[in-house]
Structures are given as C-alpha cells and as structure tokens.
C-alpha cells in the first residue's frame, strides 16, 4: 500500500497555481500591449488623415469711391477652418484679386499741383470661437496708385496677390474652429473738380494650405 505524501502533492499543486498566475500575467501584459498598439494605430490614422488640408473660397466683388482721407473698409473674402484633427498646424494663406481703378485728372489750380491718388491696405484677420475681436495675421499689404497728369483720366487694371504664413505654436489649435478673412481699407485724394478715385475689387479669392508641423511645441 503506497503512502500518501501530502507535502509533495501540495508543492505540485502550488507549482501549478504559480504557472497559471504567470500565464494570467502574460495574458494581461499581452492585452495591455494590444491596447497600446490599437491606440497608436488610431493616433497614426488621425495624423495621416490630417497631414494636409487645402481650402479655397471665392469672395464677392466690391466697389469703393475714395474721395477723401476717410477710410472705407470692405471684407473681400472669408473662409472657416476646423483644425481639430491637427496637432500643430502650419498655415499658408494666399489672397488674390483683380483691381480696376479710375483716377481723375490732377488738380493744377493754384501753385500747387494736387494729384489724384488712391491707397488700398490689405490685412488678413482671424476670429476664433472664443474671440470677440478679430486679430491680425501677418503683415499689412499696401497698394498705391496716383495720376500725375492734368490732361487725361487714368484707368488701370492690376492684379494684387500676397501670401501670409502662420506657423506660430498654438497648443489650443486642435480644438479650434476659426474664421479667416481679408479686409481692404481704402483712402484717396480727389483730383480735378474734386472727382473721387474709384476702385473695384473683382474675383477676390482666399485660399489656405494647412500642413502638420511635426516639431511639436507642447
């Protein structure tokens, strides 16, 4: 009759329990690893989807009679952007418009000759959902035109285009929806018989290229 060795049986049982615990731990580690892989895949997918964005928006034609030094402002083109899929976006804005201008003859009465002239200043603005006042983006662009002749009226057709880049680090950009717009401010000096200069903005267009900036700031 064989003897029962309770101590040996207990040790064997404990070893089986230890192996099962090790197996459970390995399963937990594998599950954690799978979860991390899934999160990384989701992150990479979002980054690939948001790697680049191109948007273009035409504006509305506008006319201005610039007779005095009083400023006349017009909003020429507007577009809205949602950058929630970007981590640290870099913006490249491009604005263009045809300008048809008519300047009267210069006023040569008296000793001083007074030229008819017009100045248009273009500025890009940004207005985000938490803002009450629009902020300037980039420098101001200036278009000047004058008619020194006192014999004939000057009519001109010009194309104005400029680019503004905005790559400032903004840690809140991933949840922001902002509206960007170009505004013109026109002033003028009247010519002969105090006739005003006239300016027409035709086919104004604002476009933006958004790219992910891999060099994060946060």
C-alpha atoms as a PDB file:
ATOM      1  CA  UNK A   1       0.000   0.000   0.000  1.00  0.00           C
ATOM      2  CA  UNK A   2       1.543   3.261  -1.105  1.00  0.00           C
ATOM      3  CA  UNK A   3       1.948   6.064   1.285  1.00  0.00           C
ATOM      4  CA  UNK A   4       0.370   9.465   0.652  1.00  0.00           C
ATOM      5  CA  UNK A   5       2.874  12.280   0.717  1.00  0.00           C
ATOM      6  CA  UNK A   6       0.709  15.308   1.404  1.00  0.00           C
ATOM      7  CA  UNK A   7       3.646  17.713   1.318  1.00  0.00           C
ATOM      8  CA  UNK A   8       4.707  16.637  -2.171  1.00  0.00           C
ATOM      9  CA  UNK A   9       1.161  16.873  -3.513  1.00  0.00           C
ATOM     10  CA  UNK A  10       0.776  20.356  -2.048  1.00  0.00           C
ATOM     11  CA  UNK A  11       4.037  21.501  -3.640  1.00  0.00           C
ATOM     12  CA  UNK A  12       2.931  20.184  -7.040  1.00  0.00           C
ATOM     13  CA  UNK A  13      -0.381  21.975  -6.676  1.00  0.00           C
ATOM     14  CA  UNK A  14       1.333  25.225  -5.737  1.00  0.00           C
ATOM     15  CA  UNK A  15       3.588  24.976  -8.772  1.00  0.00           C
ATOM     16  CA  UNK A  16       0.548  24.555 -10.994  1.00  0.00           C
ATOM     17  CA  UNK A  17      -1.011  27.645  -9.416  1.00  0.00           C
ATOM     18  CA  UNK A  18       2.194  29.623  -9.923  1.00  0.00           C
ATOM     19  CA  UNK A  19       2.290  28.632 -13.593  1.00  0.00           C
ATOM     20  CA  UNK A  20      -1.338  29.636 -14.006  1.00  0.00           C
ATOM     21  CA  UNK A  21      -0.653  33.002 -12.344  1.00  0.00           C
ATOM     22  CA  UNK A  22       2.303  33.556 -14.662  1.00  0.00           C
ATOM     23  CA  UNK A  23       0.110  32.696 -17.614  1.00  0.00           C
ATOM     24  CA  UNK A  24      -2.563  35.140 -16.429  1.00  0.00           C
ATOM     25  CA  UNK A  25       0.031  37.871 -16.058  1.00  0.00           C
ATOM     26  CA  UNK A  26       1.313  37.234 -19.568  1.00  0.00           C
ATOM     27  CA  UNK A  27      -2.228  37.426 -20.902  1.00  0.00           C
ATOM     28  CA  UNK A  28      -2.767  40.747 -19.108  1.00  0.00           C
ATOM     29  CA  UNK A  29       0.502  42.116 -20.481  1.00  0.00           C
ATOM     30  CA  UNK A  30      -0.452  40.999 -23.987  1.00  0.00           C
ATOM     31  CA  UNK A  31      -3.856  42.684 -23.644  1.00  0.00           C
ATOM     32  CA  UNK A  32      -2.175  45.909 -22.498  1.00  0.00           C
ATOM     33  CA  UNK A  33       0.214  45.699 -25.436  1.00  0.00           C
ATOM     34  CA  UNK A  34      -2.697  45.177 -27.845  1.00  0.00           C
ATOM     35  CA  UNK A  35      -4.477  48.172 -26.405  1.00  0.00           C
ATOM     36  CA  UNK A  36      -1.360  50.314 -26.822  1.00  0.00           C
ATOM     37  CA  UNK A  37      -0.995  49.144 -30.408  1.00  0.00           C
ATOM     38  CA  UNK A  38      -4.639  49.988 -31.095  1.00  0.00           C
ATOM     39  CA  UNK A  39      -4.216  53.464 -29.580  1.00  0.00           C
ATOM     40  CA  UNK A  40      -1.060  54.038 -31.613  1.00  0.00           C
ATOM     41  CA  UNK A  41      -2.798  52.884 -34.785  1.00  0.00           C
ATOM     42  CA  UNK A  42      -5.694  55.275 -34.109  1.00  0.00           C
ATOM     43  CA  UNK A  43      -3.290  58.132 -33.482  1.00  0.00           C
ATOM     44  CA  UNK A  44      -1.333  57.403 -36.653  1.00  0.00           C
ATOM     45  CA  UNK A  45      -4.561  57.186 -38.603  1.00  0.00           C
ATOM     46  CA  UNK A  46      -5.671  60.594 -37.352  1.00  0.00           C
ATOM     47  CA  UNK A  47      -2.279  62.122 -38.143  1.00  0.00           C
ATOM     48  CA  UNK A  48      -2.318  60.666 -41.658  1.00  0.00           C
ATOM     49  CA  UNK A  49      -5.838  61.962 -42.250  1.00  0.00           C
ATOM     50  CA  UNK A  50      -4.883  65.436 -41.039  1.00  0.00           C
ATOM     51  CA  UNK A  51      -1.465  65.656 -42.612  1.00  0.00           C
ATOM     52  CA  UNK A  52      -2.559  68.246 -45.188  1.00  0.00           C
ATOM     53  CA  UNK A  53      -5.658  70.319 -45.967  1.00  0.00           C
ATOM     54  CA  UNK A  54      -6.379  72.635 -48.893  1.00  0.00           C
ATOM     55  CA  UNK A  55      -9.330  75.016 -48.923  1.00  0.00           C
ATOM     56  CA  UNK A  56     -10.254  77.794 -51.347  1.00  0.00           C
ATOM     57  CA  UNK A  57     -13.113  80.273 -51.081  1.00  0.00           C
ATOM     58  CA  UNK A  58     -14.119  82.986 -53.588  1.00  0.00           C
ATOM     59  CA  UNK A  59     -15.314  86.323 -52.272  1.00  0.00           C
ATOM     60  CA  UNK A  60     -17.722  88.959 -53.568  1.00  0.00           C
ATOM     61  CA  UNK A  61     -16.862  91.832 -55.889  1.00  0.00           C
ATOM     62  CA  UNK A  62     -16.868  95.258 -54.211  1.00  0.00           C
ATOM     63  CA  UNK A  63     -16.527  98.878 -55.361  1.00  0.00           C
ATOM     64  CA  UNK A  64     -15.198 101.860 -53.422  1.00  0.00           C
ATOM     65  CA  UNK A  65     -15.286 105.594 -54.184  1.00  0.00           C
ATOM     66  CA  UNK A  66     -12.222 107.086 -52.486  1.00  0.00           C
ATOM     67  CA  UNK A  67     -12.819 110.825 -52.372  1.00  0.00           C
ATOM     68  CA  UNK A  68     -11.359 111.845 -49.018  1.00  0.00           C
ATOM     69  CA  UNK A  69      -8.929 110.690 -46.403  1.00  0.00           C
ATOM     70  CA  UNK A  70     -11.786 108.888 -44.634  1.00  0.00           C
ATOM     71  CA  UNK A  71     -11.173 105.169 -44.618  1.00  0.00           C
ATOM     72  CA  UNK A  72     -13.566 102.824 -46.416  1.00  0.00           C
ATOM     73  CA  UNK A  73     -13.338  99.174 -45.331  1.00  0.00           C
ATOM     74  CA  UNK A  74     -14.606  96.126 -47.185  1.00  0.00           C
ATOM     75  CA  UNK A  75     -14.467  92.452 -46.282  1.00  0.00           C
ATOM     76  CA  UNK A  76     -13.417  90.802 -49.535  1.00  0.00           C
ATOM     77  CA  UNK A  77     -13.072  87.054 -48.860  1.00  0.00           C
ATOM     78  CA  UNK A  78     -13.828  84.768 -45.915  1.00  0.00           C
ATOM     79  CA  UNK A  79     -13.255  81.105 -45.085  1.00  0.00           C
ATOM     80  CA  UNK A  80     -13.672  78.948 -41.989  1.00  0.00           C
ATOM     81  CA  UNK A  81     -11.320  76.210 -40.818  1.00  0.00           C
ATOM     82  CA  UNK A  82     -11.719  73.349 -38.383  1.00  0.00           C
ATOM     83  CA  UNK A  83      -8.290  72.095 -37.313  1.00  0.00           C
ATOM     84  CA  UNK A  84      -9.366  69.602 -34.648  1.00  0.00           C
ATOM     85  CA  UNK A  85      -7.546  66.741 -36.429  1.00  0.00           C
ATOM     86  CA  UNK A  86      -4.237  68.631 -36.421  1.00  0.00           C
ATOM     87  CA  UNK A  87      -1.819  68.610 -33.521  1.00  0.00           C
ATOM     88  CA  UNK A  88       0.331  71.580 -34.519  1.00  0.00           C
ATOM     89  CA  UNK A  89      -0.769  73.005 -37.888  1.00  0.00           C
ATOM     90  CA  UNK A  90       1.113  75.451 -40.080  1.00  0.00           C
ATOM     91  CA  UNK A  91      -0.984  77.722 -42.335  1.00  0.00           C
ATOM     92  CA  UNK A  92      -0.134  79.238 -45.700  1.00  0.00           C
ATOM     93  CA  UNK A  93      -2.736  81.757 -46.880  1.00  0.00           C
ATOM     94  CA  UNK A  94      -2.865  83.201 -50.380  1.00  0.00           C
ATOM     95  CA  UNK A  95      -5.121  86.069 -51.443  1.00  0.00           C
ATOM     96  CA  UNK A  96      -5.586  87.478 -54.920  1.00  0.00           C
ATOM     97  CA  UNK A  97      -7.933  89.936 -56.604  1.00  0.00           C
ATOM     98  CA  UNK A  98      -8.294  91.960 -59.794  1.00  0.00           C
ATOM     99  CA  UNK A  99      -8.327  95.705 -59.194  1.00  0.00           C
ATOM    100  CA  UNK A 100      -9.944  98.079 -61.663  1.00  0.00           C
ATOM    101  CA  UNK A 101      -9.205 101.680 -60.757  1.00  0.00           C
ATOM    102  CA  UNK A 102     -10.147 105.030 -62.254  1.00  0.00           C
ATOM    103  CA  UNK A 103      -8.280 108.159 -61.239  1.00  0.00           C
ATOM    104  CA  UNK A 104      -9.402 111.612 -62.415  1.00  0.00           C
ATOM    105  CA  UNK A 105      -7.042 114.224 -63.778  1.00  0.00           C
ATOM    106  CA  UNK A 106      -4.774 116.012 -61.359  1.00  0.00           C
ATOM    107  CA  UNK A 107      -5.961 119.344 -59.997  1.00  0.00           C
ATOM    108  CA  UNK A 108      -3.498 122.011 -61.168  1.00  0.00           C
ATOM    109  CA  UNK A 109      -5.313 125.062 -59.844  1.00  0.00           C
ATOM    110  CA  UNK A 110      -3.072 127.439 -57.982  1.00  0.00           C
ATOM    111  CA  UNK A 111       0.636 126.982 -57.499  1.00  0.00           C
ATOM    112  CA  UNK A 112       0.441 123.508 -56.020  1.00  0.00           C
ATOM    113  CA  UNK A 113      -0.445 120.595 -58.226  1.00  0.00           C
ATOM    114  CA  UNK A 114      -2.640 118.067 -56.463  1.00  0.00           C
ATOM    115  CA  UNK A 115      -2.528 114.537 -57.853  1.00  0.00           C
ATOM    116  CA  UNK A 116      -5.446 112.172 -57.658  1.00  0.00           C
ATOM    117  CA  UNK A 117      -4.374 109.073 -55.751  1.00  0.00           C
ATOM    118  CA  UNK A 118      -5.661 106.006 -54.011  1.00  0.00           C
ATOM    119  CA  UNK A 119      -4.157 103.705 -51.384  1.00  0.00           C
ATOM    120  CA  UNK A 120      -5.512 100.275 -50.521  1.00  0.00           C
ATOM    121  CA  UNK A 121      -4.256  98.372 -47.481  1.00  0.00           C
ATOM    122  CA  UNK A 122      -4.999  94.637 -47.245  1.00  0.00           C
ATOM    123  CA  UNK A 123      -4.962  92.762 -43.953  1.00  0.00           C
ATOM    124  CA  UNK A 124      -5.707  89.130 -43.033  1.00  0.00           C
ATOM    125  CA  UNK A 125      -7.677  88.651 -39.803  1.00  0.00           C
ATOM    126  CA  UNK A 126      -8.544  85.658 -37.615  1.00  0.00           C
ATOM    127  CA  UNK A 127     -11.647  85.253 -35.459  1.00  0.00           C
ATOM    128  CA  UNK A 128     -11.926  82.085 -33.374  1.00  0.00           C
ATOM    129  CA  UNK A 129     -14.905  80.799 -31.425  1.00  0.00           C
ATOM    130  CA  UNK A 130     -13.633  82.134 -28.111  1.00  0.00           C
ATOM    131  CA  UNK A 131     -12.696  85.569 -29.502  1.00  0.00           C
ATOM    132  CA  UNK A 132     -14.826  88.678 -29.562  1.00  0.00           C
ATOM    133  CA  UNK A 133     -12.389  90.795 -31.561  1.00  0.00           C
ATOM    134  CA  UNK A 134     -10.565  89.642 -34.700  1.00  0.00           C
ATOM    135  CA  UNK A 135      -6.772  89.574 -34.542  1.00  0.00           C
ATOM    136  CA  UNK A 136      -4.354  90.446 -37.329  1.00  0.00           C
ATOM    137  CA  UNK A 137      -2.420  87.647 -39.011  1.00  0.00           C
ATOM    138  CA  UNK A 138       0.783  88.574 -40.805  1.00  0.00           C
ATOM    139  CA  UNK A 139       1.797  91.987 -42.152  1.00  0.00           C
ATOM    140  CA  UNK A 140      -0.297  94.585 -43.935  1.00  0.00           C
ATOM    141  CA  UNK A 141      -0.053  94.716 -47.752  1.00  0.00           C
ATOM    142  CA  UNK A 142      -0.256  98.125 -49.445  1.00  0.00           C
ATOM    143  CA  UNK A 143      -1.293  99.013 -52.986  1.00  0.00           C
ATOM    144  CA  UNK A 144      -0.668 102.619 -54.146  1.00  0.00           C
ATOM    145  CA  UNK A 145      -1.735 104.328 -57.364  1.00  0.00           C
ATOM    146  CA  UNK A 146      -1.711 108.002 -58.476  1.00  0.00           C
ATOM    147  CA  UNK A 147      -2.388 110.048 -61.605  1.00  0.00           C
ATOM    148  CA  UNK A 148       0.096 112.900 -62.036  1.00  0.00           C
ATOM    149  CA  UNK A 149      -1.403 114.035 -65.352  1.00  0.00           C
ATOM    150  CA  UNK A 150      -3.721 117.025 -65.602  1.00  0.00           C
ATOM    151  CA  UNK A 151      -4.632 116.142 -69.198  1.00  0.00           C
ATOM    152  CA  UNK A 152      -6.387 112.789 -69.005  1.00  0.00           C
ATOM    153  CA  UNK A 153      -8.138 110.380 -66.682  1.00  0.00           C
ATOM    154  CA  UNK A 154      -6.131 107.308 -65.729  1.00  0.00           C
ATOM    155  CA  UNK A 155      -7.735 103.856 -65.898  1.00  0.00           C
ATOM    156  CA  UNK A 156      -5.786 100.862 -64.649  1.00  0.00           C
ATOM    157  CA  UNK A 157      -6.175  97.111 -64.312  1.00  0.00           C
ATOM    158  CA  UNK A 158      -3.921  95.414 -61.795  1.00  0.00           C
ATOM    159  CA  UNK A 159      -3.680  92.038 -60.097  1.00  0.00           C
ATOM    160  CA  UNK A 160      -2.826  92.021 -56.414  1.00  0.00           C
ATOM    161  CA  UNK A 161      -1.731  88.803 -54.723  1.00  0.00           C
ATOM    162  CA  UNK A 162       0.058  88.112 -51.462  1.00  0.00           C
ATOM    163  CA  UNK A 163       0.937  85.202 -49.178  1.00  0.00           C
ATOM    164  CA  UNK A 164       0.775  85.074 -45.393  1.00  0.00           C
ATOM    165  CA  UNK A 165       2.240  82.211 -43.345  1.00  0.00           C
ATOM    166  CA  UNK A 166       1.150  81.476 -39.786  1.00  0.00           C
ATOM    167  CA  UNK A 167       3.182  78.756 -38.079  1.00  0.00           C
ATOM    168  CA  UNK A 168       3.119  80.055 -34.519  1.00  0.00           C
ATOM    169  CA  UNK A 169       2.883  77.288 -31.978  1.00  0.00           C
ATOM    170  CA  UNK A 170      -0.655  77.166 -30.560  1.00  0.00           C
ATOM    171  CA  UNK A 171      -1.468  74.313 -28.216  1.00  0.00           C
ATOM    172  CA  UNK A 172      -5.210  75.011 -28.446  1.00  0.00           C
ATOM    173  CA  UNK A 173      -5.387  74.679 -32.215  1.00  0.00           C
ATOM    174  CA  UNK A 174      -6.530  71.061 -32.084  1.00  0.00           C
ATOM    175  CA  UNK A 175      -9.950  72.112 -30.782  1.00  0.00           C
ATOM    176  CA  UNK A 176     -10.423  75.431 -32.530  1.00  0.00           C
ATOM    177  CA  UNK A 177     -12.688  76.430 -35.369  1.00  0.00           C
ATOM    178  CA  UNK A 178     -11.644  79.818 -36.745  1.00  0.00           C
ATOM    179  CA  UNK A 179     -12.815  82.190 -39.442  1.00  0.00           C
ATOM    180  CA  UNK A 180     -10.224  83.992 -41.544  1.00  0.00           C
ATOM    181  CA  UNK A 181     -10.974  86.976 -43.741  1.00  0.00           C
ATOM    182  CA  UNK A 182      -9.180  89.626 -45.807  1.00  0.00           C
ATOM    183  CA  UNK A 183     -10.245  93.215 -45.302  1.00  0.00           C
ATOM    184  CA  UNK A 184      -9.362  96.164 -47.530  1.00  0.00           C
ATOM    185  CA  UNK A 185      -9.026  99.711 -46.239  1.00  0.00           C
ATOM    186  CA  UNK A 186      -9.127 102.357 -48.976  1.00  0.00           C
ATOM    187  CA  UNK A 187      -8.233 106.048 -48.812  1.00  0.00           C
ATOM    188  CA  UNK A 188      -7.962 108.527 -51.662  1.00  0.00           C
ATOM    189  CA  UNK A 189      -7.205 112.063 -52.742  1.00  0.00           C
ATOM    190  CA  UNK A 190      -9.640 113.650 -55.225  1.00  0.00           C
ATOM    191  CA  UNK A 191      -8.391 115.163 -58.454  1.00  0.00           C
ATOM    192  CA  UNK A 192      -9.756 117.739 -60.897  1.00  0.00           C
ATOM    193  CA  UNK A 193     -13.188 119.142 -59.923  1.00  0.00           C
ATOM    194  CA  UNK A 194     -12.922 117.097 -56.726  1.00  0.00           C
ATOM    195  CA  UNK A 195     -13.821 113.904 -58.564  1.00  0.00           C
ATOM    196  CA  UNK A 196     -13.139 110.803 -56.467  1.00  0.00           C
ATOM    197  CA  UNK A 197     -10.981 107.906 -57.464  1.00  0.00           C
ATOM    198  CA  UNK A 198     -12.900 104.664 -57.808  1.00  0.00           C
ATOM    199  CA  UNK A 199     -11.664 101.155 -57.098  1.00  0.00           C
ATOM    200  CA  UNK A 200     -13.385  97.852 -57.896  1.00  0.00           C
ATOM    201  CA  UNK A 201     -12.216  94.546 -56.441  1.00  0.00           C
ATOM    202  CA  UNK A 202     -13.157  91.764 -58.821  1.00  0.00           C
ATOM    203  CA  UNK A 203     -12.825  87.994 -58.245  1.00  0.00           C
ATOM    204  CA  UNK A 204     -11.300  88.202 -54.748  1.00  0.00           C
ATOM    205  CA  UNK A 205     -10.202  84.742 -53.614  1.00  0.00           C
ATOM    206  CA  UNK A 206      -8.732  83.452 -50.375  1.00  0.00           C
ATOM    207  CA  UNK A 207      -7.120  80.013 -50.171  1.00  0.00           C
ATOM    208  CA  UNK A 208      -5.237  78.182 -47.436  1.00  0.00           C
ATOM    209  CA  UNK A 209      -2.899  75.214 -47.275  1.00  0.00           C
ATOM    210  CA  UNK A 210      -2.662  73.568 -43.837  1.00  0.00           C
ATOM    211  CA  UNK A 211       0.124  71.106 -43.056  1.00  0.00           C
ATOM    212  CA  UNK A 212       1.033  69.249 -39.896  1.00  0.00           C
ATOM    213  CA  UNK A 213       4.144  70.613 -38.231  1.00  0.00           C
ATOM    214  CA  UNK A 214       5.986  67.590 -36.846  1.00  0.00           C
ATOM    215  CA  UNK A 215       8.006  69.719 -34.454  1.00  0.00           C
ATOM    216  CA  UNK A 216       5.579  69.953 -31.554  1.00  0.00           C
ATOM    217  CA  UNK A 217       5.767  72.746 -29.020  1.00  0.00           C
ATOM    218  CA  UNK A 218       3.708  71.407 -26.142  1.00  0.00           C
END
